[in-house]
Amino acid sequence: MSTIDWCRHCSMDAVMTLEHLPARSAGNNKPMRMCNDTGTIVQDFLDGLAIPTLCGDCNGGASRRNLPGAYKLWRNDVIEAVRSTTARQRPRPSFNIWRTGLVVDVDHEYALHPGRVVRQVLGMVLAVQATRDLVVADETDGSATRSRIALTLWSASSMRVVATDPT
């Protein structure tokens, strides 16, 4: 069944396509389950986490510019670099890389396109926004000259995604 809504990238009303977050090519192609903070199942996804938030032109445009491919290469290199660095430096099983100031060197054997990676990440963030109003007036004086970017994420309050057993 087709969903008509507003596209989170171009803001046009159109038939929505499923946006995989992250892209299927980056490993988001397995069954997933979304649960709320109490563990209650909110939704099952058979082919990776995907939500109907982009029109066909916007969803296909990222692929035509190879944004998911650049993100996949960068993501894989970063994950491998973190794994190998922590394997060498792990002082104990509960080692937390986010609290240690771990420095990870990432070597790329290909032409890294940082602009494509950033555009893919920003596109994923924008794909889950709940409102068309990204720029809002400052709350203190209501002035349009003092504005800020406001992102409210689509159904993201206290949600978590867990991998499910495909059997």
C-alpha atoms as a PDB file:
ATOM      1  CA  MET A   1       0.000   0.000   0.000  1.00  0.00           C
ATOM      2  CA  SER A   2       1.372   3.421  -0.999  1.00  0.00           C
ATOM      3  CA  THR A   3       1.793   6.118   1.596  1.00  0.00           C
ATOM      4  CA  ILE A   4       1.367   9.741   0.539  1.00  0.00           C
ATOM      5  CA  ASP A   5       3.174  12.110   2.867  1.00  0.00           C
ATOM      6  CA  TRP A   6       5.733  14.910   2.670  1.00  0.00           C
ATOM      7  CA  CYS A   7       9.263  14.022   1.627  1.00  0.00           C
ATOM      8  CA  ARG A   8      11.793  14.736   4.386  1.00  0.00           C
ATOM      9  CA  HIS A   9      14.365  15.921   1.839  1.00  0.00           C
ATOM     10  CA  CYS A  10      12.476  18.033  -0.737  1.00  0.00           C
ATOM     11  CA  SER A  11       9.318  18.714   1.353  1.00  0.00           C
ATOM     12  CA  MET A  12       6.981  17.850  -1.560  1.00  0.00           C
ATOM     13  CA  ASP A  13       3.832  15.791  -1.018  1.00  0.00           C
ATOM     14  CA  ALA A  14       4.337  12.503  -2.870  1.00  0.00           C
ATOM     15  CA  VAL A  15       4.194   8.729  -2.640  1.00  0.00           C
ATOM     16  CA  MET A  16       6.836   7.708  -0.101  1.00  0.00           C
ATOM     17  CA  THR A  17       9.489   5.047  -0.610  1.00  0.00           C
ATOM     18  CA  LEU A  18      11.267   3.140   2.125  1.00  0.00           C
ATOM     19  CA  GLU A  19      14.447   4.823   3.321  1.00  0.00           C
ATOM     20  CA  HIS A  20      16.858   2.318   4.882  1.00  0.00           C
ATOM     21  CA  LEU A  21      18.691   3.811   7.875  1.00  0.00           C
ATOM     22  CA  PRO A  22      21.575   3.211   7.338  1.00  0.00           C
ATOM     23  CA  ALA A  23      21.636   2.032   3.725  1.00  0.00           C
ATOM     24  CA  ARG A  24      21.192  -1.685   2.954  1.00  0.00           C
ATOM     25  CA  SER A  25      24.668  -1.736   1.417  1.00  0.00           C
ATOM     26  CA  ALA A  26      26.094  -0.733   4.815  1.00  0.00           C
ATOM     27  CA  GLY A  27      24.769  -3.875   6.484  1.00  0.00           C
ATOM     28  CA  ASN A  28      21.172  -2.835   7.153  1.00  0.00           C
ATOM     29  CA  ASN A  29      19.638  -5.755   5.277  1.00  0.00           C
ATOM     30  CA  LYS A  30      18.781  -8.235   8.024  1.00  0.00           C
ATOM     31  CA  PRO A  31      15.619  -8.636  10.128  1.00  0.00           C
ATOM     32  CA  MET A  32      15.384  -5.979  12.842  1.00  0.00           C
ATOM     33  CA  ARG A  33      12.954  -5.272  15.643  1.00  0.00           C
ATOM     34  CA  MET A  34      12.123  -1.846  17.075  1.00  0.00           C
ATOM     35  CA  CYS A  35      11.222  -1.851  20.774  1.00  0.00           C
ATOM     36  CA  ASN A  36      10.272   0.919  23.158  1.00  0.00           C
ATOM     37  CA  ASP A  37      12.109   1.543  26.439  1.00  0.00           C
ATOM     38  CA  THR A  38      10.086  -1.150  28.244  1.00  0.00           C
ATOM     39  CA  GLY A  39      10.941  -3.802  25.652  1.00  0.00           C
ATOM     40  CA  THR A  40       7.530  -3.834  23.986  1.00  0.00           C
ATOM     41  CA  ILE A  41       7.813  -4.569  20.271  1.00  0.00           C
ATOM     42  CA  VAL A  42       6.823  -1.532  18.231  1.00  0.00           C
ATOM     43  CA  GLN A  43       7.617  -2.836  14.748  1.00  0.00           C
ATOM     44  CA  ASP A  44       9.439  -5.660  12.969  1.00  0.00           C
ATOM     45  CA  PHE A  45      11.462  -4.992   9.827  1.00  0.00           C
ATOM     46  CA  LEU A  46      12.170  -7.961   7.538  1.00  0.00           C
ATOM     47  CA  ASP A  47      14.862  -6.344   5.369  1.00  0.00           C
ATOM     48  CA  GLY A  48      16.607  -3.916   7.699  1.00  0.00           C
ATOM     49  CA  LEU A  49      15.320  -0.775   9.398  1.00  0.00           C
ATOM     50  CA  ALA A  50      13.376   1.225   6.811  1.00  0.00           C
ATOM     51  CA  ILE A  51      10.710   3.892   7.104  1.00  0.00           C
ATOM     52  CA  PRO A  52       8.549   5.545   4.414  1.00  0.00           C
ATOM     53  CA  THR A  53       9.866   9.106   4.563  1.00  0.00           C
ATOM     54  CA  LEU A  54      11.396   9.939   1.148  1.00  0.00           C
ATOM     55  CA  CYS A  55       9.932  10.350  -2.331  1.00  0.00           C
ATOM     56  CA  GLY A  56      11.366   8.180  -5.091  1.00  0.00           C
ATOM     57  CA  ASP A  57      13.439  10.970  -6.642  1.00  0.00           C
ATOM     58  CA  CYS A  58      15.163  11.887  -3.362  1.00  0.00           C
ATOM     59  CA  ASN A  59      15.663   8.278  -2.279  1.00  0.00           C
ATOM     60  CA  GLY A  60      17.154   7.287  -5.643  1.00  0.00           C
ATOM     61  CA  GLY A  61      19.215  10.478  -5.912  1.00  0.00           C
ATOM     62  CA  ALA A  62      21.496   9.466  -3.056  1.00  0.00           C
ATOM     63  CA  SER A  63      22.201   6.136  -4.719  1.00  0.00           C
ATOM     64  CA  ARG A  64      22.889   7.770  -8.089  1.00  0.00           C
ATOM     65  CA  ARG A  65      25.498   9.971  -6.380  1.00  0.00           C
ATOM     66  CA  ASN A  66      26.932   6.898  -4.567  1.00  0.00           C
ATOM     67  CA  LEU A  67      26.362   8.408  -1.123  1.00  0.00           C
ATOM     68  CA  PRO A  68      25.469   5.019   0.469  1.00  0.00           C
ATOM     69  CA  GLY A  69      28.538   3.417  -1.116  1.00  0.00           C
ATOM     70  CA  ALA A  70      30.891   6.084   0.249  1.00  0.00           C
ATOM     71  CA  TYR A  71      29.254   5.767   3.688  1.00  0.00           C
ATOM     72  CA  LYS A  72      29.608   1.964   3.595  1.00  0.00           C
ATOM     73  CA  LEU A  73      33.344   2.113   2.831  1.00  0.00           C
ATOM     74  CA  TRP A  74      33.966   4.735   5.525  1.00  0.00           C
ATOM     75  CA  ARG A  75      31.813   2.886   8.093  1.00  0.00           C
ATOM     76  CA  ASN A  76      33.538  -0.443   7.453  1.00  0.00           C
ATOM     77  CA  ASP A  77      37.006   1.126   7.753  1.00  0.00           C
ATOM     78  CA  VAL A  78      36.132   2.922  10.994  1.00  0.00           C
ATOM     79  CA  ILE A  79      34.582  -0.175  12.584  1.00  0.00           C
ATOM     80  CA  GLU A  80      37.582  -2.324  11.645  1.00  0.00           C
ATOM     81  CA  ALA A  81      40.022   0.315  12.934  1.00  0.00           C
ATOM     82  CA  VAL A  82      38.168   0.563  16.261  1.00  0.00           C
ATOM     83  CA  ARG A  83      38.029  -3.240  16.611  1.00  0.00           C
ATOM     84  CA  SER A  84      41.727  -3.738  15.894  1.00  0.00           C
ATOM     85  CA  THR A  85      42.790  -0.818  18.117  1.00  0.00           C
ATOM     86  CA  THR A  86      40.648  -1.951  21.046  1.00  0.00           C
ATOM     87  CA  ALA A  87      41.845  -5.537  20.626  1.00  0.00           C
ATOM     88  CA  ARG A  88      45.433  -4.292  21.081  1.00  0.00           C
ATOM     89  CA  GLN A  89      44.677  -1.852  23.914  1.00  0.00           C
ATOM     90  CA  ARG A  90      41.858  -3.543  25.819  1.00  0.00           C
ATOM     91  CA  PRO A  91      42.877  -3.531  29.495  1.00  0.00           C
ATOM     92  CA  ARG A  92      39.790  -5.408  30.693  1.00  0.00           C
ATOM     93  CA  PRO A  93      36.563  -6.895  29.259  1.00  0.00           C
ATOM     94  CA  SER A  94      34.462  -3.829  30.157  1.00  0.00           C
ATOM     95  CA  PHE A  95      36.722  -1.507  28.162  1.00  0.00           C
ATOM     96  CA  ASN A  96      34.668   1.479  26.952  1.00  0.00           C
ATOM     97  CA  ILE A  97      36.197   3.265  23.958  1.00  0.00           C
ATOM     98  CA  TRP A  98      33.945   6.308  24.435  1.00  0.00           C
ATOM     99  CA  ARG A  99      35.385   7.102  27.881  1.00  0.00           C
ATOM    100  CA  THR A 100      39.061   6.531  27.234  1.00  0.00           C
ATOM    101  CA  GLY A 101      39.912   9.127  24.611  1.00  0.00           C
ATOM    102  CA  LEU A 102      40.962   6.329  22.277  1.00  0.00           C
ATOM    103  CA  VAL A 103      42.731   7.574  19.142  1.00  0.00           C
ATOM    104  CA  VAL A 104      42.073   5.423  16.097  1.00  0.00           C
ATOM    105  CA  ASP A 105      44.009   5.769  12.848  1.00  0.00           C
ATOM    106  CA  VAL A 106      41.970   4.835   9.795  1.00  0.00           C
ATOM    107  CA  ASP A 107      43.799   4.034   6.569  1.00  0.00           C
ATOM    108  CA  HIS A 108      41.785   4.153   3.371  1.00  0.00           C
ATOM    109  CA  GLU A 109      42.930   2.097   0.391  1.00  0.00           C
ATOM    110  CA  TYR A 110      40.629   4.092  -1.921  1.00  0.00           C
ATOM    111  CA  ALA A 111      39.675   7.681  -2.674  1.00  0.00           C
ATOM    112  CA  LEU A 112      37.674   8.763   0.360  1.00  0.00           C
ATOM    113  CA  HIS A 113      34.883  11.202  -0.459  1.00  0.00           C
ATOM    114  CA  PRO A 114      34.175  12.913   2.890  1.00  0.00           C
ATOM    115  CA  GLY A 115      31.500  15.151   1.361  1.00  0.00           C
ATOM    116  CA  ARG A 116      29.531  12.094   0.263  1.00  0.00           C
ATOM    117  CA  VAL A 117      29.846  10.524   3.713  1.00  0.00           C
ATOM    118  CA  VAL A 118      28.633  13.713   5.414  1.00  0.00           C
ATOM    119  CA  ARG A 119      25.753  14.103   2.952  1.00  0.00           C
ATOM    120  CA  GLN A 120      24.664  10.498   3.586  1.00  0.00           C
ATOM    121  CA  VAL A 121      24.754  10.965   7.378  1.00  0.00           C
ATOM    122  CA  LEU A 122      22.882  14.281   7.158  1.00  0.00           C
ATOM    123  CA  GLY A 123      20.375  12.674   4.783  1.00  0.00           C
ATOM    124  CA  MET A 124      19.714   9.892   7.294  1.00  0.00           C
ATOM    125  CA  VAL A 125      19.149  12.459  10.071  1.00  0.00           C
ATOM    126  CA  LEU A 126      16.795  14.507   7.904  1.00  0.00           C
ATOM    127  CA  ALA A 127      14.907  11.361   6.822  1.00  0.00           C
ATOM    128  CA  VAL A 128      13.629  10.841  10.368  1.00  0.00           C
ATOM    129  CA  GLN A 129      12.473  14.378  11.163  1.00  0.00           C
ATOM    130  CA  ALA A 130       8.920  14.673  12.422  1.00  0.00           C
ATOM    131  CA  THR A 131       8.159  18.212  11.274  1.00  0.00           C
ATOM    132  CA  ARG A 132       8.688  20.347   8.178  1.00  0.00           C
ATOM    133  CA  ASP A 133       9.785  23.243  10.388  1.00  0.00           C
ATOM    134  CA  LEU A 134      13.557  22.943  10.513  1.00  0.00           C
ATOM    135  CA  VAL A 135      14.207  26.609  11.162  1.00  0.00           C
ATOM    136  CA  VAL A 136      12.251  28.029  14.071  1.00  0.00           C
ATOM    137  CA  ALA A 137      12.204  31.485  15.663  1.00  0.00           C
ATOM    138  CA  ASP A 138      14.182  31.944  18.848  1.00  0.00           C
ATOM    139  CA  GLU A 139      11.983  31.102  21.842  1.00  0.00           C
ATOM    140  CA  THR A 140      13.184  34.016  23.982  1.00  0.00           C
ATOM    141  CA  ASP A 141      12.002  36.874  21.785  1.00  0.00           C
ATOM    142  CA  GLY A 142      10.183  35.237  18.837  1.00  0.00           C
ATOM    143  CA  SER A 143      12.465  37.027  16.415  1.00  0.00           C
ATOM    144  CA  ALA A 144      12.904  35.475  12.998  1.00  0.00           C
ATOM    145  CA  THR A 145      16.350  37.055  12.818  1.00  0.00           C
ATOM    146  CA  ARG A 146      17.499  34.892  15.717  1.00  0.00           C
ATOM    147  CA  SER A 147      16.590  31.391  14.599  1.00  0.00           C
ATOM    148  CA  ARG A 148      17.859  27.907  15.221  1.00  0.00           C
ATOM    149  CA  ILE A 149      17.632  24.572  13.487  1.00  0.00           C
ATOM    150  CA  ALA A 150      15.263  22.204  15.242  1.00  0.00           C
ATOM    151  CA  LEU A 151      15.146  18.496  14.467  1.00  0.00           C
ATOM    152  CA  THR A 152      12.484  16.348  16.046  1.00  0.00           C
ATOM    153  CA  LEU A 153      13.049  12.738  15.187  1.00  0.00           C
ATOM    154  CA  TRP A 154      10.331  10.497  13.782  1.00  0.00           C
ATOM    155  CA  SER A 155       9.097   8.088  16.465  1.00  0.00           C
ATOM    156  CA  ALA A 156      12.531   8.129  18.032  1.00  0.00           C
ATOM    157  CA  SER A 157      11.761   9.023  21.630  1.00  0.00           C
ATOM    158  CA  SER A 158      13.056   6.185  23.768  1.00  0.00           C
ATOM    159  CA  MET A 159      13.136   3.694  20.887  1.00  0.00           C
ATOM    160  CA  ARG A 160      15.861   1.138  20.363  1.00  0.00           C
ATOM    161  CA  VAL A 161      16.483  -1.297  17.553  1.00  0.00           C
ATOM    162  CA  VAL A 162      17.631  -4.831  18.201  1.00  0.00           C
ATOM    163  CA  ALA A 163      18.656  -7.548  15.776  1.00  0.00           C
ATOM    164  CA  THR A 164      16.271 -10.433  15.551  1.00  0.00           C
ATOM    165  CA  ASP A 165      16.972 -14.078  14.970  1.00  0.00           C
ATOM    166  CA  PRO A 166      16.145 -14.746  11.282  1.00  0.00           C
ATOM    167  CA  THR A 167      15.057 -18.321  12.020  1.00  0.00           C
END
